[in-house]
Protein backbone atom coordinates (compact mmCIF):
# COMPACT_ATOMS: atom_id res chain seq x y z
CA MET A 1 0.00 0.00 0.00
CA SER A 2 1.11 3.59 -0.65
CA LEU A 3 0.53 6.30 1.95
CA LEU A 4 1.08 10.05 1.82
CA ILE A 5 0.95 12.22 4.95
CA LYS A 6 1.09 15.90 4.06
CA ASN A 7 0.85 19.34 5.68
CA ALA A 8 2.51 18.04 8.84
CA THR A 9 5.63 18.91 10.83
CA ILE A 10 8.28 16.25 10.16
CA LEU A 11 11.01 15.65 12.76
CA THR A 12 13.40 13.58 10.68
CA VAL A 13 16.14 13.04 13.32
CA ASP A 14 18.55 12.81 10.40
CA PRO A 15 22.23 13.74 10.99
CA LYS A 16 21.39 17.44 10.52
CA GLY A 17 18.26 17.36 12.65
CA THR A 18 16.17 18.50 9.69
CA ILE A 19 12.60 19.60 10.36
CA HIS A 20 10.13 20.07 7.51
CA SER A 21 7.19 22.32 8.33
CA PRO A 22 4.94 21.99 6.50
CA GLY A 23 6.33 18.67 5.40
CA ALA A 24 5.20 15.41 3.89
CA ILE A 25 6.25 11.79 3.87
CA TYR A 26 5.45 9.20 1.21
CA ILE A 27 5.53 5.49 2.06
CA GLU A 28 5.33 2.62 -0.38
CA GLY A 29 5.26 -0.92 0.90
CA ASN A 30 7.45 -1.05 4.00
CA ARG A 31 9.84 1.75 2.98
CA ILE A 32 9.97 5.52 3.12
CA VAL A 33 10.28 6.75 -0.46
CA SER A 34 10.31 10.50 0.04
CA VAL A 35 10.45 13.06 2.86
CA GLY A 36 10.54 16.82 2.42
CA PRO A 37 8.55 20.02 1.93
CA SER A 38 4.86 19.22 1.70
CA ASP A 39 4.09 20.74 -1.68
CA ALA A 40 7.01 19.07 -3.43
CA VAL A 41 6.48 15.59 -1.97
CA SER A 42 2.70 15.77 -2.49
CA ALA A 43 3.13 16.75 -6.13
CA ARG A 44 5.50 13.86 -6.80
CA HIS A 45 3.18 11.32 -5.20
CA ALA A 46 -0.30 12.58 -6.03
CA ASN A 47 -1.52 9.04 -6.79
CA ALA A 48 -0.97 7.66 -3.28
CA LYS A 49 -3.62 5.10 -2.37
CA ARG A 50 -4.21 6.73 1.02
CA VAL A 51 -3.69 10.40 1.81
CA ILE A 52 -3.74 11.84 5.33
CA ASP A 53 -3.92 15.56 5.96
CA GLY A 54 -1.43 16.04 8.77
CA LYS A 55 -2.35 19.60 9.64
CA GLY A 56 -1.67 20.15 13.32
CA GLN A 57 0.23 16.87 13.53
CA VAL A 58 3.90 16.10 14.18
CA LEU A 59 5.67 13.09 12.72
CA ALA A 60 8.74 11.51 14.29
CA PRO A 61 10.59 8.22 13.89
CA GLY A 62 9.01 5.44 15.92
CA PHE A 63 10.62 5.15 19.34
CA VAL A 64 13.09 2.33 19.91
CA ASN A 65 12.56 1.01 23.43
CA ILE A 66 15.90 -0.68 23.96
CA HIS A 67 15.08 -2.51 27.18
CA SER A 68 11.89 -4.16 28.41
CA HIS A 69 10.55 -7.08 30.41
CA VAL A 70 6.96 -6.95 29.23
CA GLY A 71 5.81 -9.83 31.43
CA PHE A 72 7.06 -7.89 34.44
CA THR A 73 3.94 -5.76 34.10
CA ILE A 74 2.75 -8.17 36.78
CA PHE A 75 4.83 -6.14 39.26
CA ARG A 76 2.96 -2.91 38.55
CA GLY A 77 1.91 -1.65 41.97
CA ARG A 78 4.25 -4.10 43.73
CA SER A 79 7.80 -3.19 42.74
CA GLU A 80 7.83 0.61 42.70
CA ASP A 81 8.25 0.84 46.50
CA ALA A 82 10.36 -2.32 46.87
CA GLY A 83 13.76 -0.77 46.11
CA PHE A 84 16.64 -3.20 45.75
CA LYS A 85 14.59 -6.02 47.28
CA ALA A 86 12.76 -6.34 43.97
CA PRO A 87 15.15 -8.56 41.93
CA THR A 88 15.73 -11.28 44.53
CA GLY A 89 12.51 -10.74 46.52
CA LEU A 90 10.04 -10.43 43.64
CA TYR A 91 11.40 -11.07 40.16
CA PHE A 92 13.23 -14.37 40.68
CA PRO A 93 10.62 -15.91 43.04
CA MET A 94 7.78 -15.01 40.66
CA SER A 95 9.54 -16.95 37.91
CA THR A 96 8.96 -20.13 39.95
CA VAL A 97 5.16 -19.75 40.14
CA MET A 98 4.13 -17.80 37.02
CA THR A 99 2.84 -19.93 34.13
CA LYS A 100 3.77 -19.41 30.52
CA GLU A 101 0.18 -18.50 29.71
CA GLU A 102 0.17 -15.83 32.42
CA ARG A 103 3.44 -14.39 31.18
CA ALA A 104 2.03 -14.25 27.66
CA ALA A 105 -1.08 -12.40 28.86
CA LEU A 106 0.85 -9.83 30.92
CA GLY A 107 3.41 -9.38 28.14
CA ALA A 108 0.69 -8.80 25.56
CA LEU A 109 -0.70 -5.96 27.67
CA ASN A 110 2.64 -4.16 27.86
CA TYR A 111 3.40 -4.64 24.16
CA VAL A 112 0.07 -2.97 23.36
CA GLU A 113 0.83 -0.13 25.78
CA LEU A 114 4.26 0.42 24.25
CA LEU A 115 2.90 0.44 20.72
CA ARG A 116 0.16 2.86 21.75
CA SER A 117 2.82 5.20 23.18
CA GLY A 118 4.76 5.33 19.92
CA CYS A 119 7.25 2.49 20.32
CA THR A 120 7.74 0.71 17.02
CA SER A 121 10.71 -1.39 18.20
CA VAL A 122 11.28 -3.14 21.51
CA MET A 123 14.26 -5.10 22.84
CA GLU A 124 12.63 -7.66 25.11
CA LEU A 125 14.25 -9.95 27.70
CA GLU A 126 12.05 -12.52 29.40
CA GLU A 127 11.92 -16.02 30.78
CA ASP A 128 9.99 -18.25 28.37
CA VAL A 129 10.24 -15.50 25.77
CA GLU A 130 8.91 -17.73 23.00
CA VAL A 131 5.38 -17.57 24.44
CA LEU A 132 5.36 -13.86 23.48
CA ALA A 133 6.47 -14.23 19.87
CA PRO A 134 3.09 -15.20 18.32
CA PHE A 135 1.46 -12.11 19.85
CA VAL A 136 4.30 -9.88 18.62
CA ASP A 137 3.74 -11.29 15.15
CA ARG A 138 -0.01 -10.60 15.37
CA LEU A 139 0.35 -7.13 16.87
CA GLY A 140 2.76 -6.08 14.13
CA ILE A 141 5.40 -4.42 16.30
CA ARG A 142 9.15 -4.89 15.77
CA SER A 143 10.96 -6.73 18.56
CA ALA A 144 14.37 -8.15 19.34
CA MET A 145 13.68 -10.94 21.84
CA GLY A 146 15.84 -13.04 24.11
CA GLU A 147 15.38 -15.79 26.67
CA MET A 148 16.61 -14.27 29.94
CA LEU A 149 19.28 -16.63 31.21
CA GLY A 150 20.36 -17.27 34.79
CA ASP A 151 21.59 -20.61 36.08
CA ALA A 152 21.60 -19.64 39.77
CA ASP A 153 18.90 -21.32 41.88
CA PRO A 154 16.17 -18.64 42.39
CA ASP A 155 14.94 -20.03 45.71
CA LYS A 156 18.48 -19.94 47.11
CA MET A 157 18.98 -16.39 45.81
CA VAL A 158 16.03 -15.30 47.96
CA LYS A 159 18.17 -16.41 50.93
CA GLY A 160 21.27 -14.63 49.63
CA GLU A 161 22.92 -17.80 48.34
CA PHE A 162 24.22 -18.05 44.77
CA VAL A 163 24.46 -21.64 43.58
CA HIS A 164 24.83 -22.16 39.84
CA ASP A 165 23.33 -25.29 38.34
CA PRO A 166 24.87 -26.83 35.18
CA ALA A 167 21.60 -28.64 34.43
CA ALA A 168 19.67 -25.35 34.57
CA ASN A 169 22.23 -23.77 32.27
CA ALA A 170 21.92 -26.57 29.74
CA ALA A 171 18.11 -26.36 29.73
CA GLN A 172 18.12 -22.58 29.39
CA MET A 173 20.67 -22.57 26.59
CA LYS A 174 18.61 -25.16 24.76
CA ARG A 175 15.50 -22.94 25.04
CA ALA A 176 17.41 -19.80 24.04
CA THR A 177 19.09 -21.28 20.99
CA GLY A 178 15.93 -23.15 20.01
CA PHE A 179 13.96 -19.91 20.10
CA ALA A 180 16.60 -18.21 17.96
CA GLU A 181 16.57 -21.02 15.41
CA ARG A 182 12.78 -20.91 15.16
CA TRP A 183 12.14 -17.13 15.26
CA HIS A 184 15.21 -15.12 14.26
CA LYS A 185 14.31 -12.85 11.32
CA LYS A 186 10.73 -14.15 11.24
CA ALA A 187 7.50 -12.16 10.84
CA ASP A 188 8.90 -10.44 7.74
CA GLY A 189 12.08 -9.72 9.69
CA ARG A 190 10.32 -7.84 12.49
CA ILE A 191 11.23 -10.48 15.08
CA THR A 192 14.90 -11.07 15.78
CA ALA A 193 16.53 -13.12 18.51
CA ILE A 194 19.19 -12.06 21.00
CA MET A 195 21.14 -13.84 23.72
CA ALA A 196 20.29 -12.34 27.10
CA PRO A 197 22.08 -13.45 30.26
CA ASN A 198 20.27 -11.65 33.07
CA MET A 199 23.17 -10.40 35.17
CA THR A 200 26.61 -11.40 36.39
CA ILE A 201 25.44 -12.66 39.79
CA SER A 202 22.74 -14.93 38.38
CA SER A 203 24.88 -16.42 35.61
CA SER A 204 27.95 -18.60 35.85
CA LYS A 205 31.10 -18.05 33.82
CA GLU A 206 30.13 -21.08 31.76
CA GLN A 207 26.74 -19.62 30.93
CA LEU A 208 28.16 -16.28 29.76
CA ARG A 209 30.70 -18.01 27.56
CA GLU A 210 28.10 -20.34 26.06
CA ALA A 211 25.82 -17.37 25.38
CA ARG A 212 28.64 -15.58 23.56
CA ALA A 213 29.46 -18.69 21.53
CA ALA A 214 25.80 -19.16 20.57
CA ALA A 215 25.48 -15.50 19.57
CA ASP A 216 28.56 -15.74 17.37
CA LYS A 217 27.35 -18.94 15.75
CA LEU A 218 23.80 -17.69 15.07
CA GLY A 219 24.64 -14.05 14.30
CA LEU A 220 22.79 -12.58 17.29
CA ARG A 221 23.27 -9.55 19.48
CA LEU A 222 23.48 -9.80 23.27
CA SER A 223 22.25 -7.95 26.33
CA ILE A 224 22.99 -8.06 30.07
CA HIS A 225 22.15 -6.02 33.19
CA LEU A 226 25.23 -4.31 34.63
CA GLY A 227 25.93 -1.73 37.30
CA TRP A 228 22.47 -1.83 38.89
CA SER A 229 23.48 -1.76 42.58
CA GLU A 230 26.40 -1.83 44.96
CA PHE A 231 25.06 -5.20 46.10
CA GLU A 232 25.64 -6.54 42.59
CA HIS A 233 29.28 -5.42 42.64
CA GLN A 234 29.89 -6.94 46.08
CA ALA A 235 28.10 -10.17 45.20
CA ALA A 236 30.03 -10.53 41.93
CA ARG A 237 33.34 -10.21 43.78
CA LYS A 238 32.17 -12.79 46.31
CA ILE A 239 30.86 -15.23 43.70
CA HIS A 240 33.32 -14.75 40.85
CA GLY A 241 36.31 -13.09 42.50
CA THR A 242 36.12 -10.03 40.26
CA GLY A 243 33.95 -6.98 39.58
CA SER A 244 30.80 -7.12 37.46
CA PHE A 245 32.19 -5.20 34.49
CA GLU A 246 35.45 -7.14 34.46
CA PHE A 247 33.55 -10.42 34.69
CA ALA A 248 31.24 -9.46 31.82
CA ARG A 249 34.16 -8.27 29.67
CA ASP A 250 36.35 -11.31 30.34
CA ASN A 251 33.55 -13.72 29.46
CA GLY A 252 32.32 -12.17 26.22
CA LEU A 253 29.45 -9.96 27.42
CA LEU A 254 30.89 -6.60 26.46
CA GLY A 255 31.47 -5.64 22.84
CA ARG A 256 30.01 -3.74 19.89
CA ASP A 257 27.13 -6.19 19.64
CA VAL A 258 26.21 -5.95 23.34
CA VAL A 259 23.63 -3.77 25.11
CA ALA A 260 24.58 -3.20 28.76
CA THR A 261 21.52 -2.19 30.75
CA HIS A 262 21.40 0.36 33.61
CA CYS A 263 25.06 1.17 34.49
CA TYR A 264 24.03 3.62 37.18
CA VAL A 265 26.45 2.27 39.79
CA VAL A 266 29.73 2.61 37.92
CA SER A 267 33.29 3.60 38.72
CA ASP A 268 35.70 5.41 36.41
CA SER A 269 37.34 2.08 35.62
CA ASP A 270 33.94 0.58 34.75
CA ILE A 271 33.32 3.45 32.32
CA ASP A 272 36.75 2.84 30.79
CA ILE A 273 35.80 -0.80 30.22
CA LEU A 274 32.51 0.20 28.59
CA ALA A 275 34.14 2.80 26.35
CA LYS A 276 36.92 0.48 25.19
CA SER A 277 34.49 -2.38 24.52
CA GLY A 278 32.23 -0.39 22.17
CA ALA A 279 29.15 -1.67 24.03
CA HIS A 280 25.89 0.27 23.96
CA ILE A 281 24.10 1.37 27.13
CA ALA A 282 20.39 0.87 27.70
CA HIS A 283 19.61 3.82 29.96
CA CYS A 284 16.37 3.32 31.90
CA PRO A 285 16.08 6.65 33.73
CA LEU A 286 12.55 6.18 35.03
CA MET A 287 13.38 2.85 36.69
CA ASN A 288 16.74 4.18 37.86
CA ALA A 289 15.06 7.11 39.56
CA PHE A 290 12.72 4.76 41.43
CA ARG A 291 15.83 3.04 42.78
CA GLY A 292 17.21 6.39 43.93
CA LEU A 293 20.18 6.39 41.55
CA ILE A 294 21.03 8.12 38.28
CA ALA A 295 23.39 6.95 35.55
CA PRO A 296 26.13 9.41 34.48
CA VAL A 297 24.73 9.72 30.96
CA ASN A 298 26.63 12.86 30.08
CA THR A 299 29.91 11.17 30.98
CA PHE A 300 28.98 8.17 28.85
CA ARG A 301 28.19 10.36 25.87
CA LYS A 302 31.39 12.37 26.24
CA ARG A 303 33.34 9.10 26.17
CA GLY A 304 31.70 8.19 22.86
CA ILE A 305 29.43 5.48 24.29
CA ASN A 306 26.13 5.11 22.47
CA VAL A 307 23.23 5.60 24.89
CA ALA A 308 19.71 4.41 24.09
CA LEU A 309 16.56 4.66 26.20
CA GLY A 310 14.63 1.80 27.75
CA ILE A 311 11.40 1.71 29.72
CA ASP A 312 12.41 -1.45 31.65
CA ASN A 313 9.32 -2.80 33.37
CA MET A 314 5.96 -1.83 34.87
CA PHE A 315 5.64 1.39 32.90
CA GLY A 316 3.76 1.81 29.63
CA ASP A 317 4.16 5.44 28.48
CA TYR A 318 7.48 5.94 26.71
CA PHE A 319 7.18 9.73 26.87
CA ASP A 320 7.81 9.45 30.61
CA VAL A 321 11.19 7.88 29.80
CA ILE A 322 12.18 10.71 27.48
CA ARG A 323 11.35 13.31 30.13
CA SER A 324 13.14 11.33 32.81
CA ALA A 325 16.28 11.13 30.69
CA VAL A 326 16.47 14.91 30.61
CA THR A 327 15.57 15.58 34.23
CA CYS A 328 17.86 12.86 35.61
CA ALA A 329 20.84 14.11 33.58
CA ARG A 330 20.28 17.63 34.82
CA ILE A 331 19.98 16.54 38.46
CA LYS A 332 23.08 14.34 38.15
CA THR A 333 25.20 17.19 36.81
CA GLN A 334 23.38 20.06 38.56
CA ASP A 335 23.31 21.68 35.13
CA PRO A 336 19.92 22.86 33.77
CA VAL A 337 21.03 22.36 30.16
CA ALA A 338 23.08 19.18 30.61
CA LEU A 339 20.83 17.22 28.25
CA LEU A 340 18.48 18.84 25.74
CA SER A 341 15.22 17.71 24.18
CA THR A 342 17.02 17.05 20.88
CA ASP A 343 19.50 14.79 22.69
CA ALA A 344 16.70 12.82 24.33
CA LEU A 345 14.82 12.38 21.06
CA GLU A 346 17.99 11.16 19.35
CA MET A 347 18.62 8.65 22.14
CA ALA A 348 15.02 7.42 21.87
CA THR A 349 15.31 6.86 18.12
CA MET A 350 18.74 6.66 16.48
CA GLY A 351 20.44 5.69 19.74
CA GLY A 352 18.14 2.69 19.98
CA ALA A 353 18.58 1.88 16.30
CA ARG A 354 22.36 1.75 16.73
CA ALA A 355 22.03 -0.45 19.81
CA MET A 356 19.84 -2.87 17.84
CA GLY A 357 22.33 -2.87 14.97
CA MET A 358 19.67 -1.35 12.69
CA GLU A 359 20.88 2.23 12.25
CA THR A 360 20.69 1.94 8.46
CA GLU A 361 17.11 0.64 8.64
CA ILE A 362 15.24 2.53 11.38
CA GLY A 363 15.63 5.45 13.80
CA SER A 364 15.13 8.38 11.44
CA LEU A 365 12.69 9.47 8.75
CA GLU A 366 14.84 9.27 5.63
CA ALA A 367 14.24 7.90 2.16
CA GLY A 368 15.13 4.24 1.92
CA LYS A 369 14.58 3.43 5.57
CA ARG A 370 11.82 1.22 6.90
CA ALA A 371 8.57 3.07 7.45
CA ASP A 372 8.44 3.11 11.26
CA VAL A 373 6.59 6.35 11.99
CA LEU A 374 4.96 8.01 14.98
CA VAL A 375 2.25 10.65 14.44
CA LEU A 376 1.27 12.97 17.30
CA ASP A 377 -1.78 15.20 17.24
CA TYR A 378 -0.64 18.55 18.64
CA ARG A 379 -4.19 19.94 18.58
CA ALA A 380 -4.52 18.94 22.22
CA LEU A 381 -4.62 20.45 25.65
CA GLY A 382 -1.09 20.63 26.99
CA LEU A 383 0.59 20.77 23.57
CA GLN A 384 -0.18 24.33 22.53
CA PRO A 385 1.30 26.71 21.62
CA VAL A 386 3.86 24.97 19.42
CA LEU A 387 6.92 27.18 19.52
CA ASP A 388 9.33 24.24 19.29
CA PRO A 389 7.85 20.86 18.29
CA VAL A 390 10.79 18.88 19.69
CA GLN A 391 10.56 20.49 23.12
CA ASN A 392 6.80 19.97 23.16
CA LEU A 393 7.33 16.29 22.36
CA ALA A 394 9.98 15.80 25.03
CA TYR A 395 8.42 17.79 27.84
CA HIS A 396 4.66 17.83 27.29
CA ALA A 397 3.45 14.94 25.12
CA HIS A 398 1.93 11.69 26.42
CA ALA A 399 0.78 8.39 24.94
CA ARG A 400 -2.75 9.81 24.75
CA ASP A 401 -1.52 12.29 22.13
CA VAL A 402 -0.44 9.55 19.70
CA ALA A 403 -2.78 9.47 16.71
CA THR A 404 -1.05 7.02 14.37
CA VAL A 405 1.73 4.45 14.60
CA ILE A 406 3.16 2.82 11.50
CA VAL A 407 5.53 -0.18 11.54
CA ASP A 408 7.07 -1.45 8.32
CA GLY A 409 4.58 0.66 6.38
CA ARG A 410 1.58 -0.90 8.11
CA VAL A 411 -0.77 1.33 10.13
CA LEU A 412 -1.12 -0.38 13.52
CA VAL A 413 -2.58 2.52 15.50
CA ASP A 414 -5.14 4.68 13.71
CA GLY A 415 -7.13 7.45 15.34
CA GLY A 416 -5.51 6.52 18.65
CA GLU A 417 -6.82 2.94 18.54
CA VAL A 418 -4.76 -0.22 18.13
CA LYS A 419 -6.15 -1.98 15.05
CA THR A 420 -4.55 -5.41 15.11
CA VAL A 421 -5.78 -6.75 18.48
CA ASP A 422 -8.77 -6.32 20.81
CA ARG A 423 -7.52 -3.92 23.49
CA LEU A 424 -10.21 -4.74 26.06
CA LYS A 425 -9.68 -8.48 25.68
CA VAL A 426 -5.94 -8.01 26.21
CA ILE A 427 -6.59 -6.04 29.41
CA GLU A 428 -9.07 -8.59 30.77
CA GLU A 429 -6.72 -11.52 30.14
CA ALA A 430 -3.82 -9.70 31.80
CA GLU A 431 -5.91 -8.88 34.86
CA ARG A 432 -6.96 -12.50 35.25
CA ALA A 433 -3.38 -13.74 34.84
CA SER A 434 -2.07 -11.32 37.46
CA THR A 435 -4.69 -12.32 40.03
CA ASN A 436 -3.92 -16.01 39.64
CA ALA A 437 -0.13 -15.65 39.68
CA TRP A 438 -0.07 -13.45 42.78
CA ALA A 439 -2.32 -15.88 44.65
CA ARG A 440 0.23 -18.67 44.09
CA PHE A 441 3.15 -16.33 44.91
CA GLU A 442 1.67 -15.35 48.25
CA LYS A 443 0.83 -18.95 49.11
CA LYS A 444 4.45 -20.02 48.47
CA TYR A 445 6.37 -17.02 49.79
CA GLY A 446 3.99 -15.53 52.32
CA GLY A 447 3.53 -12.04 50.85
CA PRO A 448 4.46 -9.64 48.07
CA ILE A 449 8.05 -9.33 49.30
CA ALA A 450 9.79 -12.59 50.05
CA ALA A 451 11.58 -12.83 53.37
């Protein structure tokens, strides 16, 4: 299908930061054919099958959410006040009682929320990740997906013990590689597989090395959580005899094809390791702030490290992440212009594209790239007057202002409504799954926070 959107403001996020106003974009199939001044593009493509008058609307590249655990939506209203108890007191124990069907239902809800908030690409890490793939295919979103690996016994971790199980590693690696073999580059290339060890304290040296070997063999990217607490650093030294960043580097989990998530508890030597490795950082400022810590994003950027933005878990409005990136950077540096709206938008789009290894395909609105497009209706309370469309997007827009979302040239959100799935059915199934899973959790562990 061919689609022309004209008379709009186009935020291209190209290398020059070009803005066309009034501008137009012409899409044919799954590619952007033309972007530029509205009159010129409209004249060249007057025979478009569908034409949208974009007056009062702002187009941007679809957001690239570089880090999510969509099934962790089950912790919404449980984890926000749990602090650093959450990983070992909630996340790992829940994995022992939550069914695959429940994870699929909760994950579906968050995928819909992310799409509705303008995310066209998501890097997703999850136990039993394969249960989510059919819904991703049906929804139409783009997603890099990885089985979240960790061969430490979760029930022992609740007690502060870290015992790695070779049998668990073998089973997890079989699931992870099997998923990659079945789904990598499927759904017209929208679904790709990654290798995703959870973190250094939950994975053995053997698991990290096997994950790297599998990624190299299958041509996959990798992701791991790093620098998320002082406890992690101390535990890594106790378990492995070395720091988290050194352990990840020495066992293949830092490199140009790796996304290191969080990195808000880092030393100068850790930053040196990141910079020399060429790894990308998934900065999750909203989740970081809830943990009371802020990553030194400006330092990362000055060292040439690519920083992309992730929503992590529980949250569903990606605009909150963009705002948090700016406010957290300014608080960290005590500088009111430390990070600008243009920086945040670039991190949310091209930064994510680079981290996914897709910078030539997505992340900006340029001819030849895949047609992943976000359309915001600025004729809304809270978005007027429009003196600077980028600043309005970064500081004042919300998911409710999203009018249209296009992925691979296909309109998935139209008039603010998701068109490929039944939104109410998704919500009802997620609610039922959450109720059942929490009932089993509380029966086994005695409450929402394990002792």
